[in-house]
């Protein structure tokens, strides 16, 4: 059973930073990719950032240059560093992992006040 537990969300002012963490059960190197999705009220869930087992990364256009995804295979952790936060970044952020199927965590709320 794969478990993903997010942490690090909270309330921050526009222009501020937050770092989200995702603790995964088991060896994250076994996942083809890991990433972060977000869902704002009334909007569809979107993929924010993704990192493959080989270390390649992809970002949504809306966060390029502001967000950075990284992984620590030794600690089975994935991180999302979010800088220059905007009000439109407010959402529930979900950690996801892919290994044949997709797994998600429970989510962590990020609220950016303008």
C-alpha atoms as a PDB file:
ATOM      1  CA  UNK A   1       0.000   0.000   0.000  1.00  0.00           C
ATOM      2  CA  UNK A   2       1.446   3.337  -1.070  1.00  0.00           C
ATOM      3  CA  UNK A   3       1.030   6.228   1.321  1.00  0.00           C
ATOM      4  CA  UNK A   4       1.838   9.830   0.527  1.00  0.00           C
ATOM      5  CA  UNK A   5       1.687  12.420   3.297  1.00  0.00           C
ATOM      6  CA  UNK A   6       1.973  16.116   2.514  1.00  0.00           C
ATOM      7  CA  UNK A   7       3.033  18.856   4.893  1.00  0.00           C
ATOM      8  CA  UNK A   8       4.159  22.457   4.793  1.00  0.00           C
ATOM      9  CA  UNK A   9       1.013  24.222   3.652  1.00  0.00           C
ATOM     10  CA  UNK A  10      -0.301  27.309   5.349  1.00  0.00           C
ATOM     11  CA  UNK A  11      -1.138  30.970   5.021  1.00  0.00           C
ATOM     12  CA  UNK A  12       1.387  33.294   3.431  1.00  0.00           C
ATOM     13  CA  UNK A  13       1.317  36.804   2.022  1.00  0.00           C
ATOM     14  CA  UNK A  14       1.676  37.419  -1.678  1.00  0.00           C
ATOM     15  CA  UNK A  15       5.332  37.466  -2.626  1.00  0.00           C
ATOM     16  CA  UNK A  16       6.229  35.030   0.109  1.00  0.00           C
ATOM     17  CA  UNK A  17       7.512  31.475  -0.011  1.00  0.00           C
ATOM     18  CA  UNK A  18       6.519  28.053   1.213  1.00  0.00           C
ATOM     19  CA  UNK A  19       8.073  24.626   0.900  1.00  0.00           C
ATOM     20  CA  UNK A  20       5.796  21.635   0.644  1.00  0.00           C
ATOM     21  CA  UNK A  21       7.041  18.192   1.592  1.00  0.00           C
ATOM     22  CA  UNK A  22       5.734  14.783   0.624  1.00  0.00           C
ATOM     23  CA  UNK A  23       6.743  11.722   2.609  1.00  0.00           C
ATOM     24  CA  UNK A  24       6.280   8.503   0.684  1.00  0.00           C
ATOM     25  CA  UNK A  25       6.099   4.993   2.033  1.00  0.00           C
ATOM     26  CA  UNK A  26       8.611   2.728   0.405  1.00  0.00           C
ATOM     27  CA  UNK A  27      11.397   3.517  -2.022  1.00  0.00           C
ATOM     28  CA  UNK A  28      10.446   6.487  -4.189  1.00  0.00           C
ATOM     29  CA  UNK A  29      12.984   5.419  -6.771  1.00  0.00           C
ATOM     30  CA  UNK A  30      10.472   2.701  -7.700  1.00  0.00           C
ATOM     31  CA  UNK A  31       8.029   5.352  -8.891  1.00  0.00           C
ATOM     32  CA  UNK A  32       8.211   6.356 -12.534  1.00  0.00           C
ATOM     33  CA  UNK A  33       7.487   9.908 -11.541  1.00  0.00           C
ATOM     34  CA  UNK A  34       6.360  12.001  -8.623  1.00  0.00           C
ATOM     35  CA  UNK A  35       4.770  15.374  -8.622  1.00  0.00           C
ATOM     36  CA  UNK A  36       2.392  17.928  -7.254  1.00  0.00           C
ATOM     37  CA  UNK A  37      -1.108  18.780  -8.355  1.00  0.00           C
ATOM     38  CA  UNK A  38      -3.360  21.515  -7.069  1.00  0.00           C
ATOM     39  CA  UNK A  39      -7.043  22.242  -7.036  1.00  0.00           C
ATOM     40  CA  UNK A  40      -8.510  25.649  -6.377  1.00  0.00           C
ATOM     41  CA  UNK A  41     -12.175  26.108  -5.453  1.00  0.00           C
ATOM     42  CA  UNK A  42     -14.376  25.789  -8.519  1.00  0.00           C
ATOM     43  CA  UNK A  43     -11.462  24.833 -10.764  1.00  0.00           C
ATOM     44  CA  UNK A  44     -10.157  21.614 -12.230  1.00  0.00           C
ATOM     45  CA  UNK A  45      -7.184  19.930 -10.669  1.00  0.00           C
ATOM     46  CA  UNK A  46      -3.975  20.746 -12.518  1.00  0.00           C
ATOM     47  CA  UNK A  47      -0.498  19.291 -12.552  1.00  0.00           C
ATOM     48  CA  UNK A  48       1.905  21.857 -11.129  1.00  0.00           C
ATOM     49  CA  UNK A  49       5.239  20.064 -11.271  1.00  0.00           C
ATOM     50  CA  UNK A  50       6.600  16.619 -11.988  1.00  0.00           C
ATOM     51  CA  UNK A  51       9.927  14.897 -11.553  1.00  0.00           C
ATOM     52  CA  UNK A  52      10.823  11.556 -13.094  1.00  0.00           C
ATOM     53  CA  UNK A  53      12.934   8.818 -11.565  1.00  0.00           C
ATOM     54  CA  UNK A  54      15.721  10.062 -13.818  1.00  0.00           C
ATOM     55  CA  UNK A  55      15.445  13.566 -12.450  1.00  0.00           C
ATOM     56  CA  UNK A  56      13.758  15.299 -15.385  1.00  0.00           C
ATOM     57  CA  UNK A  57      11.314  17.991 -14.382  1.00  0.00           C
ATOM     58  CA  UNK A  58       8.239  19.613 -15.890  1.00  0.00           C
ATOM     59  CA  UNK A  59       6.262  22.609 -14.702  1.00  0.00           C
ATOM     60  CA  UNK A  60       2.967  24.211 -15.489  1.00  0.00           C
ATOM     61  CA  UNK A  61       3.480  27.474 -17.365  1.00  0.00           C
ATOM     62  CA  UNK A  62       1.823  29.365 -14.521  1.00  0.00           C
ATOM     63  CA  UNK A  63       4.556  28.392 -12.036  1.00  0.00           C
ATOM     64  CA  UNK A  64       7.682  28.267 -14.208  1.00  0.00           C
ATOM     65  CA  UNK A  65      10.474  30.300 -12.703  1.00  0.00           C
ATOM     66  CA  UNK A  66       8.744  30.446  -9.311  1.00  0.00           C
ATOM     67  CA  UNK A  67       8.323  26.825  -8.208  1.00  0.00           C
ATOM     68  CA  UNK A  68      10.958  24.121  -8.008  1.00  0.00           C
ATOM     69  CA  UNK A  69      10.446  20.412  -7.452  1.00  0.00           C
ATOM     70  CA  UNK A  70      13.116  18.180  -5.988  1.00  0.00           C
ATOM     71  CA  UNK A  71      13.454  14.740  -4.499  1.00  0.00           C
ATOM     72  CA  UNK A  72      15.583  13.068  -1.854  1.00  0.00           C
ATOM     73  CA  UNK A  73      15.667   9.378  -2.669  1.00  0.00           C
ATOM     74  CA  UNK A  74      17.481   8.539   0.544  1.00  0.00           C
ATOM     75  CA  UNK A  75      14.678  10.025   2.644  1.00  0.00           C
ATOM     76  CA  UNK A  76      11.825   9.037   0.304  1.00  0.00           C
ATOM     77  CA  UNK A  77      10.796  12.680   0.147  1.00  0.00           C
ATOM     78  CA  UNK A  78       9.656  15.020  -2.597  1.00  0.00           C
ATOM     79  CA  UNK A  79       9.599  18.773  -2.156  1.00  0.00           C
ATOM     80  CA  UNK A  80       7.980  21.734  -3.840  1.00  0.00           C
ATOM     81  CA  UNK A  81       9.669  25.046  -3.205  1.00  0.00           C
ATOM     82  CA  UNK A  82       7.233  27.834  -3.985  1.00  0.00           C
ATOM     83  CA  UNK A  83       8.541  31.390  -4.285  1.00  0.00           C
ATOM     84  CA  UNK A  84       6.930  34.674  -5.304  1.00  0.00           C
ATOM     85  CA  UNK A  85       3.558  33.283  -4.379  1.00  0.00           C
ATOM     86  CA  UNK A  86       0.458  34.880  -5.839  1.00  0.00           C
ATOM     87  CA  UNK A  87      -3.168  34.872  -4.728  1.00  0.00           C
ATOM     88  CA  UNK A  88      -3.971  32.594  -7.664  1.00  0.00           C
ATOM     89  CA  UNK A  89      -1.675  29.942  -6.208  1.00  0.00           C
ATOM     90  CA  UNK A  90      -4.228  29.411  -3.450  1.00  0.00           C
ATOM     91  CA  UNK A  91      -5.345  25.792  -3.633  1.00  0.00           C
ATOM     92  CA  UNK A  92      -5.141  22.398  -2.043  1.00  0.00           C
ATOM     93  CA  UNK A  93      -1.870  20.832  -3.132  1.00  0.00           C
ATOM     94  CA  UNK A  94      -1.644  17.088  -3.606  1.00  0.00           C
ATOM     95  CA  UNK A  95       1.406  14.918  -3.858  1.00  0.00           C
ATOM     96  CA  UNK A  96       1.169  12.267  -6.562  1.00  0.00           C
ATOM     97  CA  UNK A  97       3.229   9.237  -7.492  1.00  0.00           C
ATOM     98  CA  UNK A  98       3.034   7.016 -10.522  1.00  0.00           C
ATOM     99  CA  UNK A  99       3.920   3.339 -10.649  1.00  0.00           C
ATOM    100  CA  UNK A 100       1.606   1.754 -13.121  1.00  0.00           C
ATOM    101  CA  UNK A 101      -1.244   3.596 -11.461  1.00  0.00           C
ATOM    102  CA  UNK A 102      -1.405   7.014  -9.863  1.00  0.00           C
ATOM    103  CA  UNK A 103      -1.429   7.517  -6.105  1.00  0.00           C
ATOM    104  CA  UNK A 104      -2.335  10.727  -4.298  1.00  0.00           C
ATOM    105  CA  UNK A 105      -1.947  12.067  -0.806  1.00  0.00           C
ATOM    106  CA  UNK A 106      -4.679  13.752   1.211  1.00  0.00           C
ATOM    107  CA  UNK A 107      -3.571  17.250   0.276  1.00  0.00           C
ATOM    108  CA  UNK A 108      -2.357  20.342   2.099  1.00  0.00           C
ATOM    109  CA  UNK A 109      -3.972  23.773   1.929  1.00  0.00           C
ATOM    110  CA  UNK A 110      -1.982  26.710   0.637  1.00  0.00           C
ATOM    111  CA  UNK A 111      -3.566  30.127   1.029  1.00  0.00           C
ATOM    112  CA  UNK A 112      -1.912  33.238  -0.367  1.00  0.00           C
ATOM    113  CA  UNK A 113      -3.314  36.527   0.835  1.00  0.00           C
ATOM    114  CA  UNK A 114      -3.079  39.554  -1.439  1.00  0.00           C
END
